[in-house]
Amino acid sequence: MKNPIKCILLFSMLFTPFAHAQWTTQVDDDLFTGGKKATMLGDLQGTEAALIFDCTNKMVSISYIQRHSDQETISRVPFTLIVKIDANDALKMDAQSGRRNSKYLEISADDKDQILAIIKNLQQAKNQILVGLQTKDGGNQFSLSGGVSGSTKATDQFIKACELPL
């Protein structure tokens, strides 16, 4: 081998796992509003869970989702959904549990002011996001963290698609 630096670089490119963005946005046409609709998804670490934002130019919502393939009926239970990004204040919203689809449960909220504040914080995020759930009586608490890789690009697309006032 004539150049060991080239060999080391080639080896590291071939055998290092490819990084992927932890935040992505999908934008589609919205048949009902005539505008766009978007879904922004962020993976939460170590689980089959994510934080999802959905919007049209008329509404915005946030949901914690977790894989749950059991087809049992899910009763609606009130929760507090808490999101903290980097050193910003933790933002709390009233949320309800339910089934998102046949594979995922969700706990969702539609407090537009709080969601817009979260999106603004996520757009400027540098380190991590913390997501917490708490029953209304405070007796049961659960939290997860996630990375913010790709969050600026994803939030920019989401804001534009949904015409959010940020």
N, C-alpha and C. Protein backbone atom coordinates (compact mmCIF):
# COMPACT_ATOMS: atom_id res chain seq x y z
N MET A 1 0.84 -1.18 0.00
CA MET A 1 0.00 0.00 0.00
C MET A 1 0.89 1.24 0.00
N LYS A 2 0.66 2.08 -0.97
CA LYS A 2 1.48 3.27 -1.11
C LYS A 2 1.05 4.40 -0.21
N ASN A 3 -0.25 4.53 0.03
CA ASN A 3 -0.72 5.67 0.82
C ASN A 3 -1.64 5.16 1.94
N PRO A 4 -1.12 5.04 3.16
CA PRO A 4 -1.94 4.49 4.25
C PRO A 4 -3.15 5.37 4.61
N ILE A 5 -3.08 6.66 4.39
CA ILE A 5 -4.23 7.54 4.69
C ILE A 5 -5.40 7.21 3.79
N LYS A 6 -5.13 6.99 2.50
CA LYS A 6 -6.20 6.62 1.57
C LYS A 6 -6.84 5.29 1.98
N CYS A 7 -6.01 4.36 2.41
CA CYS A 7 -6.53 3.05 2.84
C CYS A 7 -7.42 3.19 4.07
N ILE A 8 -7.00 4.00 5.02
CA ILE A 8 -7.78 4.20 6.24
C ILE A 8 -9.12 4.87 5.90
N LEU A 9 -9.10 5.88 5.05
CA LEU A 9 -10.34 6.56 4.65
C LEU A 9 -11.28 5.61 3.92
N LEU A 10 -10.73 4.83 2.99
CA LEU A 10 -11.55 3.88 2.25
C LEU A 10 -12.16 2.85 3.19
N PHE A 11 -11.36 2.32 4.10
CA PHE A 11 -11.85 1.35 5.07
C PHE A 11 -12.97 1.93 5.93
N SER A 12 -12.77 3.15 6.42
CA SER A 12 -13.79 3.76 7.29
C SER A 12 -15.07 4.04 6.52
N MET A 13 -14.98 4.41 5.24
CA MET A 13 -16.20 4.66 4.45
C MET A 13 -16.95 3.37 4.18
N LEU A 14 -16.22 2.28 3.96
CA LEU A 14 -16.88 1.02 3.63
C LEU A 14 -17.49 0.32 4.83
N PHE A 15 -16.88 0.51 6.02
CA PHE A 15 -17.32 -0.27 7.17
C PHE A 15 -17.98 0.54 8.27
N THR A 16 -18.14 1.83 8.09
CA THR A 16 -18.85 2.65 9.06
C THR A 16 -20.32 2.68 8.66
N PRO A 17 -21.23 2.44 9.60
CA PRO A 17 -22.65 2.50 9.24
C PRO A 17 -23.02 3.90 8.74
N PHE A 18 -23.89 3.92 7.78
CA PHE A 18 -24.33 5.20 7.23
C PHE A 18 -25.25 5.89 8.23
N ALA A 19 -25.02 7.17 8.44
CA ALA A 19 -25.87 7.95 9.33
C ALA A 19 -27.16 8.30 8.61
N HIS A 20 -28.24 8.40 9.34
CA HIS A 20 -29.51 8.83 8.74
C HIS A 20 -30.12 9.90 9.63
N ALA A 21 -30.90 10.72 8.99
CA ALA A 21 -31.57 11.79 9.74
C ALA A 21 -32.59 11.17 10.68
N GLN A 22 -32.66 11.70 11.88
CA GLN A 22 -33.64 11.22 12.84
C GLN A 22 -34.97 11.95 12.67
N TRP A 23 -34.98 13.04 11.89
CA TRP A 23 -36.19 13.80 11.63
C TRP A 23 -36.42 13.90 10.14
N THR A 24 -37.64 13.58 9.71
CA THR A 24 -38.00 13.68 8.29
C THR A 24 -39.41 14.26 8.17
N THR A 25 -39.67 14.86 7.02
CA THR A 25 -40.99 15.41 6.74
C THR A 25 -41.47 14.89 5.40
N GLN A 26 -42.73 14.51 5.35
CA GLN A 26 -43.37 14.11 4.10
C GLN A 26 -44.48 15.09 3.81
N VAL A 27 -44.50 15.66 2.60
CA VAL A 27 -45.49 16.65 2.21
C VAL A 27 -46.31 16.09 1.04
N ASP A 28 -47.62 16.26 1.11
CA ASP A 28 -48.54 15.83 0.05
C ASP A 28 -49.58 16.91 -0.19
N ASP A 29 -50.27 16.80 -1.31
CA ASP A 29 -51.41 17.67 -1.56
C ASP A 29 -52.55 17.25 -0.64
N ASP A 30 -53.32 18.24 -0.16
CA ASP A 30 -54.46 17.95 0.70
C ASP A 30 -55.74 18.17 -0.08
N LEU A 31 -56.45 17.13 -0.33
CA LEU A 31 -57.68 17.16 -1.10
C LEU A 31 -58.74 18.05 -0.45
N PHE A 32 -58.78 18.10 0.86
CA PHE A 32 -59.86 18.79 1.56
C PHE A 32 -59.66 20.29 1.72
N THR A 33 -58.41 20.74 1.82
CA THR A 33 -58.16 22.17 2.00
C THR A 33 -57.67 22.84 0.72
N GLY A 34 -57.27 22.06 -0.26
CA GLY A 34 -56.71 22.63 -1.48
C GLY A 34 -55.27 23.07 -1.30
N GLY A 35 -54.73 22.92 -0.09
CA GLY A 35 -53.34 23.27 0.17
C GLY A 35 -52.49 22.03 0.30
N LYS A 36 -51.58 22.06 1.22
CA LYS A 36 -50.69 20.93 1.48
C LYS A 36 -51.00 20.34 2.84
N LYS A 37 -50.61 19.09 3.02
CA LYS A 37 -50.62 18.46 4.34
C LYS A 37 -49.23 17.87 4.53
N ALA A 38 -48.81 17.79 5.78
CA ALA A 38 -47.47 17.29 6.05
C ALA A 38 -47.46 16.47 7.33
N THR A 39 -46.53 15.55 7.37
CA THR A 39 -46.25 14.76 8.55
C THR A 39 -44.75 14.82 8.80
N MET A 40 -44.39 15.25 10.01
CA MET A 40 -42.98 15.30 10.41
C MET A 40 -42.79 14.26 11.51
N LEU A 41 -41.78 13.42 11.34
CA LEU A 41 -41.55 12.30 12.25
C LEU A 41 -40.13 12.36 12.80
N GLY A 42 -40.02 12.15 14.11
CA GLY A 42 -38.71 12.07 14.76
C GLY A 42 -38.62 10.79 15.57
N ASP A 43 -37.58 10.01 15.32
CA ASP A 43 -37.36 8.76 16.06
C ASP A 43 -36.97 9.06 17.50
N LEU A 44 -37.47 8.23 18.40
CA LEU A 44 -37.06 8.30 19.80
C LEU A 44 -36.16 7.10 20.07
N GLN A 45 -35.11 7.29 20.81
CA GLN A 45 -34.03 6.31 20.94
C GLN A 45 -34.43 5.05 21.67
N GLY A 46 -33.95 3.93 21.11
CA GLY A 46 -34.06 2.65 21.78
C GLY A 46 -35.43 2.03 21.81
N THR A 47 -36.37 2.55 21.05
CA THR A 47 -37.72 2.02 21.11
C THR A 47 -38.34 2.01 19.71
N GLU A 48 -39.49 1.41 19.62
CA GLU A 48 -40.28 1.50 18.40
C GLU A 48 -41.30 2.62 18.60
N ALA A 49 -40.78 3.80 18.89
CA ALA A 49 -41.62 4.95 19.20
C ALA A 49 -41.10 6.17 18.45
N ALA A 50 -41.98 7.15 18.31
CA ALA A 50 -41.61 8.38 17.60
C ALA A 50 -42.50 9.52 18.07
N LEU A 51 -42.07 10.72 17.74
CA LEU A 51 -42.89 11.91 17.92
C LEU A 51 -43.30 12.35 16.53
N ILE A 52 -44.59 12.56 16.32
CA ILE A 52 -45.11 12.91 15.00
C ILE A 52 -45.91 14.21 15.09
N PHE A 53 -45.66 15.08 14.12
CA PHE A 53 -46.44 16.30 13.95
C PHE A 53 -47.22 16.13 12.65
N ASP A 54 -48.52 16.43 12.67
CA ASP A 54 -49.36 16.41 11.47
C ASP A 54 -49.94 17.80 11.28
N CYS A 55 -50.12 18.22 10.01
CA CYS A 55 -50.71 19.53 9.79
C CYS A 55 -51.32 19.65 8.40
N THR A 56 -52.23 20.61 8.32
CA THR A 56 -52.71 21.18 7.06
C THR A 56 -52.60 22.69 7.27
N ASN A 57 -53.09 23.46 6.33
CA ASN A 57 -53.04 24.91 6.56
C ASN A 57 -54.12 25.36 7.54
N LYS A 58 -54.93 24.42 8.07
CA LYS A 58 -55.99 24.76 9.02
C LYS A 58 -55.78 24.18 10.42
N MET A 59 -54.89 23.18 10.58
CA MET A 59 -54.71 22.54 11.88
C MET A 59 -53.30 22.01 12.03
N VAL A 60 -52.92 21.79 13.29
CA VAL A 60 -51.64 21.16 13.59
C VAL A 60 -51.83 20.31 14.85
N SER A 61 -51.18 19.14 14.87
CA SER A 61 -51.26 18.27 16.04
C SER A 61 -49.91 17.62 16.28
N ILE A 62 -49.75 17.09 17.49
CA ILE A 62 -48.53 16.39 17.88
C ILE A 62 -48.96 15.08 18.52
N SER A 63 -48.19 14.02 18.24
CA SER A 63 -48.51 12.71 18.81
C SER A 63 -47.25 11.95 19.17
N TYR A 64 -47.27 11.35 20.33
CA TYR A 64 -46.28 10.33 20.68
C TYR A 64 -46.89 9.03 20.21
N ILE A 65 -46.15 8.25 19.40
CA ILE A 65 -46.67 6.96 18.95
C ILE A 65 -45.73 5.85 19.39
N GLN A 66 -46.32 4.68 19.60
CA GLN A 66 -45.54 3.51 19.98
C GLN A 66 -46.16 2.28 19.34
N ARG A 67 -45.29 1.40 18.83
CA ARG A 67 -45.79 0.18 18.19
C ARG A 67 -46.57 -0.64 19.21
N HIS A 68 -47.74 -1.09 18.78
CA HIS A 68 -48.61 -1.92 19.61
C HIS A 68 -49.56 -2.63 18.67
N SER A 69 -49.21 -3.86 18.30
CA SER A 69 -49.99 -4.56 17.28
C SER A 69 -51.20 -5.30 17.83
N ASP A 70 -51.37 -5.33 19.14
CA ASP A 70 -52.55 -5.95 19.73
C ASP A 70 -53.78 -5.20 19.25
N GLN A 71 -54.78 -5.88 18.78
CA GLN A 71 -55.95 -5.24 18.19
C GLN A 71 -57.07 -4.92 19.18
N GLU A 72 -56.77 -4.99 20.46
CA GLU A 72 -57.78 -4.70 21.47
C GLU A 72 -58.25 -3.25 21.37
N THR A 73 -59.45 -3.01 21.83
CA THR A 73 -60.00 -1.66 21.85
C THR A 73 -59.24 -0.84 22.89
N ILE A 74 -58.89 0.37 22.52
CA ILE A 74 -58.15 1.26 23.41
C ILE A 74 -59.09 2.35 23.90
N SER A 75 -59.24 2.44 25.21
CA SER A 75 -60.09 3.50 25.75
C SER A 75 -59.30 4.80 25.79
N ARG A 76 -59.99 5.90 25.64
CA ARG A 76 -59.34 7.21 25.65
C ARG A 76 -59.03 7.58 27.10
N VAL A 77 -57.75 7.83 27.34
CA VAL A 77 -57.28 8.18 28.68
C VAL A 77 -56.60 9.55 28.58
N PRO A 78 -56.90 10.48 29.49
CA PRO A 78 -56.23 11.78 29.46
C PRO A 78 -54.80 11.69 29.99
N PHE A 79 -53.90 12.36 29.32
CA PHE A 79 -52.49 12.43 29.70
C PHE A 79 -52.03 13.87 29.64
N THR A 80 -50.85 14.11 30.18
CA THR A 80 -50.11 15.33 29.93
C THR A 80 -48.92 14.93 29.07
N LEU A 81 -48.78 15.56 27.91
CA LEU A 81 -47.65 15.33 27.02
C LEU A 81 -46.67 16.47 27.26
N ILE A 82 -45.41 16.12 27.55
CA ILE A 82 -44.39 17.11 27.89
C ILE A 82 -43.24 16.97 26.90
N VAL A 83 -42.81 18.10 26.32
CA VAL A 83 -41.70 18.10 25.37
C VAL A 83 -40.70 19.16 25.78
N LYS A 84 -39.44 18.75 25.87
CA LYS A 84 -38.35 19.68 26.22
C LYS A 84 -37.24 19.50 25.18
N ILE A 85 -36.80 20.62 24.62
CA ILE A 85 -35.75 20.59 23.61
C ILE A 85 -34.57 21.42 24.09
N ASP A 86 -33.42 20.78 24.14
CA ASP A 86 -32.18 21.41 24.62
C ASP A 86 -32.43 22.09 25.97
N ALA A 87 -32.01 23.35 26.13
CA ALA A 87 -32.15 24.04 27.41
C ALA A 87 -33.44 24.85 27.50
N ASN A 88 -34.32 24.71 26.52
CA ASN A 88 -35.60 25.44 26.55
C ASN A 88 -36.50 24.89 27.65
N ASP A 89 -37.52 25.66 28.00
CA ASP A 89 -38.49 25.22 29.00
C ASP A 89 -39.25 23.98 28.50
N ALA A 90 -39.65 23.13 29.42
CA ALA A 90 -40.51 22.00 29.09
C ALA A 90 -41.91 22.55 28.80
N LEU A 91 -42.48 22.11 27.69
CA LEU A 91 -43.82 22.57 27.28
C LEU A 91 -44.81 21.44 27.51
N LYS A 92 -45.93 21.75 28.18
CA LYS A 92 -46.91 20.74 28.57
C LYS A 92 -48.23 20.99 27.84
N MET A 93 -48.88 19.87 27.46
CA MET A 93 -50.17 19.94 26.78
C MET A 93 -51.09 18.84 27.28
N ASP A 94 -52.38 19.11 27.30
CA ASP A 94 -53.36 18.07 27.55
C ASP A 94 -53.42 17.18 26.32
N ALA A 95 -53.44 15.86 26.55
CA ALA A 95 -53.43 14.90 25.44
C ALA A 95 -54.37 13.74 25.76
N GLN A 96 -54.71 12.98 24.73
CA GLN A 96 -55.60 11.82 24.85
C GLN A 96 -54.95 10.62 24.17
N SER A 97 -55.13 9.45 24.77
CA SER A 97 -54.63 8.23 24.15
C SER A 97 -55.65 7.72 23.14
N GLY A 98 -55.17 6.94 22.21
CA GLY A 98 -56.03 6.32 21.20
C GLY A 98 -55.21 5.44 20.29
N ARG A 99 -55.81 4.91 19.27
CA ARG A 99 -55.12 4.08 18.29
C ARG A 99 -54.89 4.91 17.04
N ARG A 100 -53.64 5.00 16.60
CA ARG A 100 -53.32 5.75 15.37
C ARG A 100 -53.68 4.92 14.15
N ASN A 101 -53.30 3.66 14.16
CA ASN A 101 -53.64 2.72 13.09
C ASN A 101 -53.51 1.31 13.65
N SER A 102 -53.51 0.30 12.80
CA SER A 102 -53.51 -1.07 13.29
C SER A 102 -52.20 -1.48 13.97
N LYS A 103 -51.13 -0.69 13.79
CA LYS A 103 -49.85 -1.06 14.36
C LYS A 103 -49.37 -0.14 15.48
N TYR A 104 -49.98 1.04 15.62
CA TYR A 104 -49.47 2.01 16.59
C TYR A 104 -50.57 2.60 17.46
N LEU A 105 -50.21 2.80 18.74
CA LEU A 105 -51.02 3.59 19.66
C LEU A 105 -50.48 5.01 19.62
N GLU A 106 -51.33 5.97 19.99
CA GLU A 106 -50.85 7.35 20.03
C GLU A 106 -51.41 8.06 21.25
N ILE A 107 -50.66 9.05 21.67
CA ILE A 107 -51.14 10.01 22.66
C ILE A 107 -50.95 11.35 22.00
N SER A 108 -52.07 12.02 21.70
CA SER A 108 -51.99 13.21 20.85
C SER A 108 -52.61 14.44 21.50
N ALA A 109 -52.13 15.59 21.01
CA ALA A 109 -52.60 16.89 21.50
C ALA A 109 -52.73 17.83 20.31
N ASP A 110 -53.55 18.87 20.48
CA ASP A 110 -53.75 19.84 19.39
C ASP A 110 -53.69 21.29 19.87
N ASP A 111 -52.91 21.53 20.93
CA ASP A 111 -52.72 22.89 21.46
C ASP A 111 -51.79 23.64 20.52
N LYS A 112 -52.36 24.41 19.61
CA LYS A 112 -51.58 25.05 18.54
C LYS A 112 -50.45 25.92 19.06
N ASP A 113 -50.69 26.73 20.08
CA ASP A 113 -49.65 27.62 20.59
C ASP A 113 -48.45 26.84 21.13
N GLN A 114 -48.72 25.80 21.90
CA GLN A 114 -47.63 24.99 22.44
C GLN A 114 -46.89 24.23 21.32
N ILE A 115 -47.64 23.71 20.37
CA ILE A 115 -47.02 22.96 19.26
C ILE A 115 -46.14 23.88 18.43
N LEU A 116 -46.60 25.09 18.17
CA LEU A 116 -45.77 26.03 17.40
C LEU A 116 -44.49 26.37 18.15
N ALA A 117 -44.57 26.51 19.48
CA ALA A 117 -43.38 26.77 20.28
C ALA A 117 -42.41 25.58 20.21
N ILE A 118 -42.94 24.37 20.23
CA ILE A 118 -42.10 23.17 20.11
C ILE A 118 -41.42 23.14 18.75
N ILE A 119 -42.17 23.42 17.69
CA ILE A 119 -41.60 23.41 16.34
C ILE A 119 -40.49 24.46 16.22
N LYS A 120 -40.72 25.63 16.79
CA LYS A 120 -39.70 26.68 16.75
C LYS A 120 -38.44 26.23 17.49
N ASN A 121 -38.60 25.62 18.67
CA ASN A 121 -37.45 25.10 19.41
C ASN A 121 -36.74 23.99 18.64
N LEU A 122 -37.51 23.12 18.02
CA LEU A 122 -36.95 22.01 17.25
C LEU A 122 -36.17 22.51 16.04
N GLN A 123 -36.65 23.58 15.44
CA GLN A 123 -35.98 24.17 14.28
C GLN A 123 -34.57 24.64 14.64
N GLN A 124 -34.37 25.06 15.89
CA GLN A 124 -33.08 25.58 16.34
C GLN A 124 -32.31 24.59 17.21
N ALA A 125 -32.80 23.36 17.32
CA ALA A 125 -32.23 22.37 18.24
C ALA A 125 -30.80 21.97 17.85
N LYS A 126 -30.01 21.72 18.87
CA LYS A 126 -28.62 21.31 18.67
C LYS A 126 -28.29 19.95 19.30
N ASN A 127 -28.99 19.57 20.38
CA ASN A 127 -28.58 18.39 21.13
C ASN A 127 -29.60 17.26 21.18
N GLN A 128 -30.71 17.49 21.89
CA GLN A 128 -31.67 16.40 22.06
C GLN A 128 -33.07 16.91 22.36
N ILE A 129 -34.00 15.99 22.21
CA ILE A 129 -35.38 16.24 22.57
C ILE A 129 -35.78 15.22 23.63
N LEU A 130 -36.51 15.67 24.64
CA LEU A 130 -37.05 14.80 25.67
C LEU A 130 -38.56 14.82 25.55
N VAL A 131 -39.16 13.64 25.57
CA VAL A 131 -40.61 13.52 25.48
C VAL A 131 -41.09 12.75 26.70
N GLY A 132 -42.06 13.33 27.42
CA GLY A 132 -42.58 12.69 28.61
C GLY A 132 -44.09 12.57 28.55
N LEU A 133 -44.59 11.54 29.21
CA LEU A 133 -46.02 11.32 29.34
C LEU A 133 -46.33 11.13 30.81
N GLN A 134 -47.43 11.69 31.23
CA GLN A 134 -47.83 11.59 32.63
C GLN A 134 -49.35 11.48 32.69
N THR A 135 -49.84 10.54 33.50
CA THR A 135 -51.28 10.47 33.70
C THR A 135 -51.70 11.73 34.45
N LYS A 136 -52.94 12.11 34.31
CA LYS A 136 -53.42 13.36 34.90
C LYS A 136 -53.25 13.41 36.42
N ASP A 137 -53.29 12.25 37.07
CA ASP A 137 -53.09 12.25 38.52
C ASP A 137 -51.61 12.26 38.89
N GLY A 138 -50.72 12.20 37.89
CA GLY A 138 -49.28 12.23 38.13
C GLY A 138 -48.72 10.91 38.62
N GLY A 139 -49.57 9.90 38.71
CA GLY A 139 -49.15 8.61 39.26
C GLY A 139 -48.26 7.80 38.34
N ASN A 140 -48.42 7.93 37.05
CA ASN A 140 -47.61 7.18 36.10
C ASN A 140 -46.87 8.15 35.21
N GLN A 141 -45.56 7.97 35.12
CA GLN A 141 -44.73 8.84 34.31
C GLN A 141 -43.80 7.99 33.45
N PHE A 142 -43.51 8.51 32.26
CA PHE A 142 -42.68 7.80 31.29
C PHE A 142 -41.99 8.84 30.42
N SER A 143 -40.70 8.65 30.15
CA SER A 143 -40.02 9.60 29.27
C SER A 143 -38.99 8.91 28.39
N LEU A 144 -38.73 9.53 27.26
CA LEU A 144 -37.74 9.06 26.29
C LEU A 144 -36.98 10.25 25.75
N SER A 145 -35.82 9.98 25.18
CA SER A 145 -35.07 11.04 24.52
C SER A 145 -34.88 10.68 23.06
N GLY A 146 -34.54 11.67 22.27
CA GLY A 146 -34.26 11.46 20.87
C GLY A 146 -33.27 12.48 20.38
N GLY A 147 -32.65 12.17 19.27
CA GLY A 147 -31.71 13.09 18.65
C GLY A 147 -32.43 14.13 17.82
N VAL A 148 -31.68 15.10 17.34
CA VAL A 148 -32.27 16.19 16.56
C VAL A 148 -31.65 16.29 15.16
N SER A 149 -30.94 15.26 14.75
CA SER A 149 -30.33 15.26 13.43
C SER A 149 -31.40 15.41 12.35
N GLY A 150 -31.25 16.39 11.50
CA GLY A 150 -32.20 16.63 10.42
C GLY A 150 -33.40 17.47 10.81
N SER A 151 -33.44 17.93 12.07
CA SER A 151 -34.64 18.64 12.54
C SER A 151 -34.82 20.02 11.89
N THR A 152 -33.74 20.71 11.59
CA THR A 152 -33.89 22.03 10.98
C THR A 152 -34.50 21.92 9.60
N LYS A 153 -33.99 21.02 8.78
CA LYS A 153 -34.53 20.83 7.43
C LYS A 153 -35.98 20.34 7.49
N ALA A 154 -36.25 19.38 8.39
CA ALA A 154 -37.60 18.82 8.50
C ALA A 154 -38.60 19.89 8.95
N THR A 155 -38.23 20.71 9.94
CA THR A 155 -39.16 21.74 10.41
C THR A 155 -39.35 22.83 9.36
N ASP A 156 -38.30 23.17 8.62
CA ASP A 156 -38.45 24.17 7.55
C ASP A 156 -39.47 23.69 6.51
N GLN A 157 -39.38 22.43 6.12
CA GLN A 157 -40.34 21.86 5.15
C GLN A 157 -41.75 21.85 5.72
N PHE A 158 -41.87 21.47 6.98
CA PHE A 158 -43.16 21.37 7.65
C PHE A 158 -43.82 22.75 7.76
N ILE A 159 -43.06 23.74 8.20
CA ILE A 159 -43.57 25.11 8.35
C ILE A 159 -44.07 25.66 7.02
N LYS A 160 -43.29 25.45 5.97
CA LYS A 160 -43.67 25.94 4.64
C LYS A 160 -44.92 25.25 4.11
N ALA A 161 -44.94 23.93 4.22
CA ALA A 161 -46.08 23.16 3.69
C ALA A 161 -47.39 23.55 4.36
N CYS A 162 -47.33 23.80 5.65
CA CYS A 162 -48.56 24.04 6.42
C CYS A 162 -48.83 25.53 6.66
N GLU A 163 -47.99 26.36 6.07
CA GLU A 163 -48.19 27.81 6.18
C GLU A 163 -48.29 28.24 7.64
N LEU A 164 -47.39 27.71 8.47
CA LEU A 164 -47.42 28.03 9.91
C LEU A 164 -46.80 29.40 10.16
N PRO A 165 -47.39 30.16 11.06
CA PRO A 165 -46.93 31.52 11.31
C PRO A 165 -45.71 31.57 12.24
N LEU A 166 -44.56 31.10 11.74
CA LEU A 166 -43.33 31.13 12.55
C LEU A 166 -42.28 31.98 11.86
